[in-house]
Amino acid sequence: MFATPFLSFLSLALFQAAALVGAQSCDSTGSTGMPIVQNSHRIAINSSVNGVSFSFATYVAPNYYADSTFKPKQGHVWIHGQGRGGDEMVNAYKNSLPKAVSAGLVAERDVVVLSIVLPHQEDEAKSLFPGVLTWCANEWMEGGDARSAQVSSFNVLRSSFDWLAQTYPSITTFVIGGHSAGAQLVQRWAVTNPTDPVPHRYIIANPSSVAYFTSERPNCNVTSSCSCIAPGYESQCCSDFNDWKNGLNNYPHRFQNAAMNAANKQSIIDRYISRRIHYLYGGNDNEGTANGCGPNAQGLGHYDRGQKWWSYLTRNWPRVTSTQTQDNVAGIGHDSSGIWSSTQGLKRVYGS
């Protein structure tokens, strides 16, 4: 089921000596911390892909993850938002797991979580673990390669599940989940990921945008000179509204480049529709109305985009309702812990 690359987790003390040199320059956006969070550990994981060795930073929870008697049944990989704070998803775990246990969905020792950190060069993860990969700007969000190696953020997701499978042979269910920008990464990996059946389900919560499969958009005003004028950006023609990462055109990244740029993408669409994917939207999440013409062509704000995406899927591929679900969580805004801890979130994340 899994490839078996060389994988290991390193303690903070042992990893301080390793370092990689950035191969490209990036503008700084300010540092993001990687603080200690109770009931978790900060580690780096070593892996390799196509002969390229690399390391990435992550939290792992619970704090007894290395106990030889710990034999979890579920292995989760969760992705932070645009701010790159992996502690956000550790806190979502701490808040939601007791509720999932109370609801009878899992036992406390059934679950292990990797909260991946995809940092910038100036972030604390890089100073804690000098050898870990870093990314420029939001390249990690759409599958771009790291600064110093030909390793996609999608490769990191794959390696995370490899590590879980190797470390915990007891795992029978693998889940990937992301909130906000992390949900964008998860949705785009669901599009590009060439392998099945792992992960067994994808959790996509409050994304700012998704990758559409056709040029159809709910919020495009078409004129004789422009194929898409989006609300809030009426003074410009949104000529790239269907390019990656908002659509499937002009996919620029190394990961699965040939497949993603093939003239016929029907197999990619069919594969996506067949996957077990759960979409979660906060009913009060009206953020993101100025994210750009590409996202605004999909809807005005996160919640509106989510409703229109589901309508697009079910209208064009009615069979999607047999594999995928959409839940709207009343009273919740752009809040990862709120979504994860909701009745709907608990069922989708920890249930089925």
Protein backbone atom coordinates (compact mmCIF):
# COMPACT_ATOMS: atom_id res chain seq x y z
CA MET A 1 0.00 0.00 0.00
CA PHE A 2 2.84 2.39 0.83
CA ALA A 3 6.25 3.09 -0.52
CA THR A 4 8.91 2.65 2.13
CA PRO A 5 11.38 5.55 1.85
CA PHE A 6 13.88 6.12 4.62
CA LEU A 7 11.90 7.92 7.30
CA SER A 8 12.79 8.85 10.82
CA PHE A 9 11.86 11.39 13.45
CA LEU A 10 14.62 13.41 15.05
CA SER A 11 14.74 15.04 18.44
CA LEU A 12 15.17 18.79 18.61
CA ALA A 13 18.65 18.46 20.09
CA LEU A 14 19.92 16.09 17.40
CA PHE A 15 18.50 18.08 14.53
CA GLN A 16 19.98 21.49 15.38
CA ALA A 17 23.18 20.77 13.39
CA ALA A 18 21.51 20.07 10.04
CA ALA A 19 21.00 22.90 7.54
CA LEU A 20 19.94 23.49 3.99
CA VAL A 21 20.77 26.60 1.99
CA GLY A 22 17.86 28.37 0.28
CA ALA A 23 18.15 28.36 -3.49
CA GLN A 24 15.86 31.28 -4.22
CA SER A 25 15.09 34.61 -2.61
CA CYS A 26 11.72 35.45 -1.05
CA ASP A 27 10.34 38.62 0.41
CA SER A 28 9.87 38.35 4.17
CA THR A 29 6.32 38.56 5.52
CA GLY A 30 7.24 38.36 9.20
CA SER A 31 8.07 35.36 11.34
CA THR A 32 5.57 32.73 12.50
CA GLY A 33 6.29 30.92 15.74
CA MET A 34 6.20 27.20 16.46
CA PRO A 35 5.35 27.34 20.16
CA ILE A 36 5.25 24.45 22.57
CA VAL A 37 1.70 23.10 22.84
CA GLN A 38 0.66 20.84 25.70
CA ASN A 39 0.03 17.19 24.79
CA SER A 40 2.15 17.37 21.63
CA HIS A 41 5.76 17.37 20.52
CA ARG A 42 7.61 19.35 17.86
CA ILE A 43 9.66 17.06 15.63
CA ALA A 44 11.23 16.89 12.19
CA ILE A 45 10.68 13.96 9.87
CA ASN A 46 13.21 12.76 7.32
CA SER A 47 12.06 11.40 3.98
CA SER A 48 13.05 11.18 0.33
CA VAL A 49 11.39 11.37 -3.07
CA ASN A 50 12.91 10.59 -6.45
CA GLY A 51 16.35 10.35 -4.84
CA VAL A 52 16.04 13.72 -3.09
CA SER A 53 16.36 13.61 0.68
CA PHE A 54 14.49 16.18 2.72
CA SER A 55 13.10 16.98 6.16
CA PHE A 56 9.92 18.72 7.22
CA ALA A 57 8.65 20.17 10.47
CA THR A 58 5.54 19.00 12.26
CA TYR A 59 3.77 18.69 15.56
CA VAL A 60 2.78 15.19 16.62
CA ALA A 61 0.03 14.48 19.14
CA PRO A 62 -0.59 12.97 21.62
CA ASN A 63 2.53 13.53 23.69
CA TYR A 64 2.90 9.77 24.28
CA TYR A 65 3.21 9.19 20.52
CA ALA A 66 6.51 7.30 21.00
CA ASP A 67 5.13 4.93 23.65
CA SER A 68 5.52 1.37 22.37
CA THR A 69 2.08 0.48 23.74
CA PHE A 70 0.41 3.24 21.70
CA LYS A 71 -1.35 1.56 18.78
CA PRO A 72 -3.68 4.08 17.14
CA LYS A 73 -6.32 3.09 14.61
CA GLN A 74 -6.60 6.46 12.87
CA GLY A 75 -3.69 8.45 11.42
CA HIS A 76 -4.43 12.10 10.66
CA VAL A 77 -2.44 14.74 8.78
CA TRP A 78 -3.73 18.28 9.32
CA ILE A 79 -2.68 21.50 7.59
CA HIS A 80 -2.62 25.02 9.02
CA GLY A 81 -3.94 28.22 7.50
CA GLN A 82 -2.12 30.95 5.61
CA GLY A 83 -0.38 32.13 8.80
CA ARG A 84 1.58 28.84 8.90
CA GLY A 85 0.87 28.18 12.58
CA GLY A 86 0.80 24.44 13.12
CA ASP A 87 -0.20 24.99 16.75
CA GLU A 88 -3.62 26.07 15.43
CA MET A 89 -4.43 22.51 14.37
CA VAL A 90 -2.94 20.98 17.53
CA ASN A 91 -5.41 23.09 19.48
CA ALA A 92 -8.18 21.88 17.16
CA TYR A 93 -7.15 18.34 18.12
CA LYS A 94 -7.11 19.15 21.85
CA ASN A 95 -10.55 20.75 21.66
CA SER A 96 -12.23 18.20 19.42
CA LEU A 97 -10.89 14.81 20.51
CA PRO A 98 -12.58 14.75 23.96
CA LYS A 99 -15.88 15.55 22.26
CA ALA A 100 -15.34 12.80 19.70
CA VAL A 101 -14.65 10.38 22.55
CA SER A 102 -17.79 11.51 24.40
CA ALA A 103 -19.80 11.04 21.19
CA GLY A 104 -18.57 7.46 20.93
CA LEU A 105 -16.78 8.04 17.63
CA VAL A 106 -13.30 7.04 18.85
CA ALA A 107 -11.39 6.14 21.98
CA GLU A 108 -8.74 8.56 23.21
CA ARG A 109 -5.85 6.32 22.17
CA ASP A 110 -7.32 5.59 18.74
CA VAL A 111 -5.97 8.78 17.13
CA VAL A 112 -2.54 10.15 16.22
CA VAL A 113 -2.20 13.52 14.49
CA LEU A 114 0.58 15.17 12.52
CA SER A 115 0.01 18.92 12.32
CA ILE A 116 2.34 19.78 9.45
CA VAL A 117 4.24 23.08 9.34
CA LEU A 118 5.10 24.47 5.89
CA PRO A 119 7.21 27.46 6.92
CA HIS A 120 8.95 30.45 5.43
CA GLN A 121 12.70 30.84 5.87
CA GLU A 122 12.23 33.32 8.73
CA ASP A 123 9.78 31.18 10.72
CA GLU A 124 10.65 29.58 14.05
CA ALA A 125 10.37 26.07 12.61
CA LYS A 126 13.48 26.80 10.55
CA SER A 127 15.48 27.93 13.59
CA LEU A 128 14.31 24.94 15.64
CA PHE A 129 15.12 22.49 12.84
CA PRO A 130 17.59 24.18 10.45
CA GLY A 131 17.37 21.42 7.85
CA VAL A 132 13.63 21.55 7.20
CA LEU A 133 12.11 22.66 3.92
CA THR A 134 10.79 26.21 3.54
CA TRP A 135 8.62 27.84 0.89
CA CYS A 136 8.27 31.25 -0.69
CA ALA A 137 5.04 33.17 -0.16
CA ASN A 138 2.01 30.90 -0.68
CA GLU A 139 3.68 28.41 -3.03
CA TRP A 140 3.07 25.62 -0.52
CA MET A 141 -0.67 26.24 -0.79
CA GLU A 142 -0.87 25.06 -4.39
CA GLY A 143 1.75 22.30 -4.59
CA GLY A 144 4.84 24.37 -5.38
CA ASP A 145 8.36 23.16 -4.68
CA ALA A 146 10.31 24.21 -1.62
CA ARG A 147 13.03 26.85 -1.87
CA SER A 148 15.99 24.50 -1.60
CA ALA A 149 14.85 21.22 -3.16
CA GLN A 150 12.62 19.76 -5.85
CA VAL A 151 10.10 18.67 -3.25
CA SER A 152 6.47 19.73 -3.55
CA SER A 153 4.24 20.41 -0.58
CA PHE A 154 2.22 17.52 -2.03
CA ASN A 155 5.29 15.28 -1.57
CA VAL A 156 5.33 16.28 2.09
CA LEU A 157 1.73 15.14 2.47
CA ARG A 158 2.55 11.78 0.92
CA SER A 159 5.60 11.37 3.16
CA SER A 160 3.52 12.20 6.24
CA PHE A 161 1.28 9.23 5.59
CA ASP A 162 4.28 7.03 4.86
CA TRP A 163 5.72 7.96 8.26
CA LEU A 164 2.45 7.23 10.01
CA ALA A 165 2.10 3.86 8.29
CA GLN A 166 5.66 2.86 9.09
CA THR A 167 5.54 4.08 12.69
CA TYR A 168 2.07 2.72 13.50
CA PRO A 169 1.19 -0.50 11.64
CA SER A 170 -2.00 -0.55 13.72
CA ILE A 171 -3.53 2.31 11.69
CA THR A 172 -6.42 1.25 9.46
CA THR A 173 -7.83 4.67 8.53
CA PHE A 174 -5.85 7.61 7.19
CA VAL A 175 -7.37 11.11 7.09
CA ILE A 176 -6.12 14.42 5.75
CA GLY A 177 -7.71 17.66 6.85
CA GLY A 178 -7.09 21.34 6.35
CA HIS A 179 -8.68 24.61 7.35
CA SER A 180 -8.61 27.83 5.31
CA ALA A 181 -5.38 27.86 3.26
CA GLY A 182 -4.72 24.34 4.52
CA ALA A 183 -8.05 23.31 3.01
CA GLN A 184 -6.92 24.80 -0.28
CA LEU A 185 -3.84 22.56 -0.19
CA VAL A 186 -5.93 19.51 0.66
CA GLN A 187 -8.41 20.17 -2.15
CA ARG A 188 -5.64 20.60 -4.70
CA TRP A 189 -3.92 17.44 -3.53
CA ALA A 190 -7.24 15.63 -3.98
CA VAL A 191 -7.06 16.84 -7.60
CA THR A 192 -3.42 15.94 -8.25
CA ASN A 193 -2.75 12.94 -5.97
CA PRO A 194 -2.10 9.98 -8.30
CA THR A 195 -2.47 7.25 -5.67
CA ASP A 196 -5.33 5.55 -3.86
CA PRO A 197 -6.70 4.45 -1.44
CA VAL A 198 -4.71 6.57 1.05
CA PRO A 199 -5.84 8.87 2.44
CA HIS A 200 -9.22 7.29 3.00
CA ARG A 201 -10.93 10.65 3.38
CA TYR A 202 -10.21 14.33 2.83
CA ILE A 203 -11.57 17.09 5.11
CA ILE A 204 -11.81 20.50 3.40
CA ALA A 205 -12.96 23.27 5.75
CA ASN A 206 -13.53 26.95 4.89
CA PRO A 207 -11.18 27.21 1.88
CA SER A 208 -10.78 30.59 0.24
CA SER A 209 -10.97 29.00 -3.20
CA VAL A 210 -10.89 25.63 -4.95
CA ALA A 211 -9.67 24.30 -8.29
CA TYR A 212 -12.64 24.11 -10.67
CA PHE A 213 -12.67 21.50 -13.46
CA THR A 214 -14.21 23.59 -16.24
CA SER A 215 -14.45 27.26 -17.17
CA GLU A 216 -17.94 27.51 -15.66
CA ARG A 217 -18.08 30.00 -12.78
CA PRO A 218 -21.08 31.25 -10.82
CA ASN A 219 -19.87 34.85 -10.54
CA CYS A 220 -18.38 35.59 -13.96
CA ASN A 221 -19.88 38.35 -16.05
CA VAL A 222 -19.00 37.55 -19.66
CA THR A 223 -18.63 40.38 -22.18
CA SER A 224 -17.63 40.54 -25.84
CA SER A 225 -14.06 41.38 -24.82
CA CYS A 226 -13.67 39.43 -21.57
CA SER A 227 -14.59 35.91 -20.52
CA CYS A 228 -14.81 36.77 -16.83
CA ILE A 229 -15.39 39.99 -14.92
CA ALA A 230 -15.68 39.20 -11.22
CA PRO A 231 -17.55 41.18 -8.53
CA GLY A 232 -15.31 43.66 -6.78
CA TYR A 233 -12.86 43.63 -9.69
CA GLU A 234 -15.04 45.14 -12.39
CA SER A 235 -12.25 47.38 -13.70
CA GLN A 236 -10.17 44.42 -14.87
CA CYS A 237 -10.62 41.39 -17.06
CA CYS A 238 -9.99 38.26 -15.02
CA SER A 239 -8.24 36.47 -17.87
CA ASP A 240 -6.51 33.92 -15.63
CA PHE A 241 -9.59 32.89 -13.63
CA ASN A 242 -9.30 29.28 -14.85
CA ASP A 243 -5.53 28.90 -14.33
CA TRP A 244 -4.14 26.81 -11.52
CA LYS A 245 -4.85 27.16 -8.56
CA ASN A 246 -8.40 28.31 -9.33
CA GLY A 247 -8.79 25.99 -12.33
CA LEU A 248 -6.90 23.31 -14.24
CA ASN A 249 -5.33 25.43 -16.99
CA ASN A 250 -1.60 26.25 -17.14
CA TYR A 251 -0.55 24.05 -14.25
CA PRO A 252 3.03 25.26 -13.50
CA HIS A 253 4.44 22.87 -10.91
CA ARG A 254 6.78 19.90 -11.17
CA PHE A 255 4.52 17.52 -9.22
CA GLN A 256 2.44 15.46 -11.72
CA ASN A 257 3.14 18.09 -14.37
CA ALA A 258 2.58 15.87 -17.42
CA ALA A 259 -0.72 14.50 -16.16
CA MET A 260 -2.00 17.90 -15.10
CA ASN A 261 -1.15 19.45 -18.45
CA ALA A 262 -2.58 16.65 -20.58
CA ALA A 263 -5.16 17.78 -23.11
CA ASN A 264 -7.76 15.39 -21.73
CA LYS A 265 -8.26 15.72 -18.00
CA GLN A 266 -11.31 13.49 -17.68
CA SER A 267 -9.44 10.86 -15.68
CA ILE A 268 -8.35 13.52 -13.17
CA ILE A 269 -11.94 14.70 -12.76
CA ASP A 270 -13.31 11.16 -12.45
CA ARG A 271 -10.70 10.29 -9.84
CA TYR A 272 -11.58 13.38 -7.78
CA ILE A 273 -15.32 12.70 -7.93
CA SER A 274 -14.76 9.14 -6.71
CA ARG A 275 -12.80 10.20 -3.64
CA ARG A 276 -14.25 10.37 -0.13
CA ILE A 277 -14.25 14.12 0.53
CA HIS A 278 -16.10 16.08 3.19
CA TYR A 279 -16.57 19.85 2.85
CA LEU A 280 -17.27 21.88 5.99
CA TYR A 281 -18.29 25.55 5.94
CA GLY A 282 -18.90 27.90 8.84
CA GLY A 283 -22.28 29.54 8.40
CA ASN A 284 -20.83 32.84 9.65
CA ASP A 285 -17.63 32.68 7.58
CA ASN A 286 -18.09 35.65 5.29
CA GLU A 287 -14.38 36.48 5.14
CA GLY A 288 -12.43 36.59 1.91
CA THR A 289 -14.48 38.99 -0.20
CA ALA A 290 -11.32 40.69 -1.48
CA ASN A 291 -9.15 37.66 -2.25
CA GLY A 292 -8.80 38.47 -5.95
CA CYS A 293 -10.79 38.17 -9.13
CA GLY A 294 -10.19 34.39 -9.44
CA PRO A 295 -11.69 33.55 -6.02
CA ASN A 296 -14.45 36.16 -6.41
CA ALA A 297 -15.49 34.49 -9.66
CA GLN A 298 -16.30 31.49 -7.45
CA GLY A 299 -18.38 33.47 -4.94
CA LEU A 300 -18.25 36.34 -2.48
CA GLY A 301 -16.56 35.07 0.66
CA HIS A 302 -15.76 31.59 1.93
CA TYR A 303 -19.28 30.48 2.76
CA ASP A 304 -20.79 31.70 -0.52
CA ARG A 305 -18.03 30.00 -2.52
CA GLY A 306 -18.64 26.76 -0.67
CA GLN A 307 -22.34 26.73 -1.50
CA LYS A 308 -21.69 27.47 -5.16
CA TRP A 309 -18.91 24.86 -5.41
CA TRP A 310 -21.23 22.15 -4.08
CA SER A 311 -23.96 23.25 -6.46
CA TYR A 312 -21.48 23.08 -9.35
CA LEU A 313 -20.35 19.58 -8.36
CA THR A 314 -23.81 18.11 -7.86
CA ARG A 315 -25.21 19.68 -11.02
CA ASN A 316 -22.41 18.46 -13.29
CA TRP A 317 -21.57 15.16 -11.54
CA PRO A 318 -24.69 14.01 -9.62
CA ARG A 319 -22.93 10.80 -8.58
CA VAL A 320 -20.66 12.90 -6.33
CA THR A 321 -23.25 12.67 -3.55
CA SER A 322 -22.41 8.97 -3.16
CA THR A 323 -18.80 9.75 -2.17
CA GLN A 324 -18.75 13.35 -0.93
CA THR A 325 -20.69 15.50 1.53
CA GLN A 326 -21.18 19.15 2.38
CA ASP A 327 -22.00 20.39 5.87
CA ASN A 328 -22.81 23.97 6.87
CA VAL A 329 -22.06 24.66 10.53
CA ALA A 330 -24.40 27.30 11.94
CA GLY A 331 -22.91 29.96 14.20
CA ILE A 332 -19.28 29.25 13.28
CA GLY A 333 -17.05 31.69 11.43
CA HIS A 334 -13.50 31.25 10.13
CA ASP A 335 -12.53 29.05 13.07
CA SER A 336 -10.69 25.73 12.76
CA SER A 337 -11.40 24.57 16.33
CA GLY A 338 -15.04 25.59 16.00
CA ILE A 339 -15.43 23.61 12.78
CA TRP A 340 -13.52 20.55 14.04
CA SER A 341 -15.46 20.48 17.34
CA SER A 342 -18.91 20.92 15.81
CA THR A 343 -21.30 17.97 15.58
CA GLN A 344 -20.76 17.84 11.82
CA GLY A 345 -16.99 18.24 12.13
CA LEU A 346 -16.63 15.47 14.70
CA LYS A 347 -18.57 13.08 12.49
CA ARG A 348 -16.58 13.86 9.35
CA VAL A 349 -13.12 14.08 10.94
CA TYR A 350 -13.31 11.14 13.33
CA GLY A 351 -16.32 9.18 12.07
CA SER A 352 -16.82 8.38 8.41
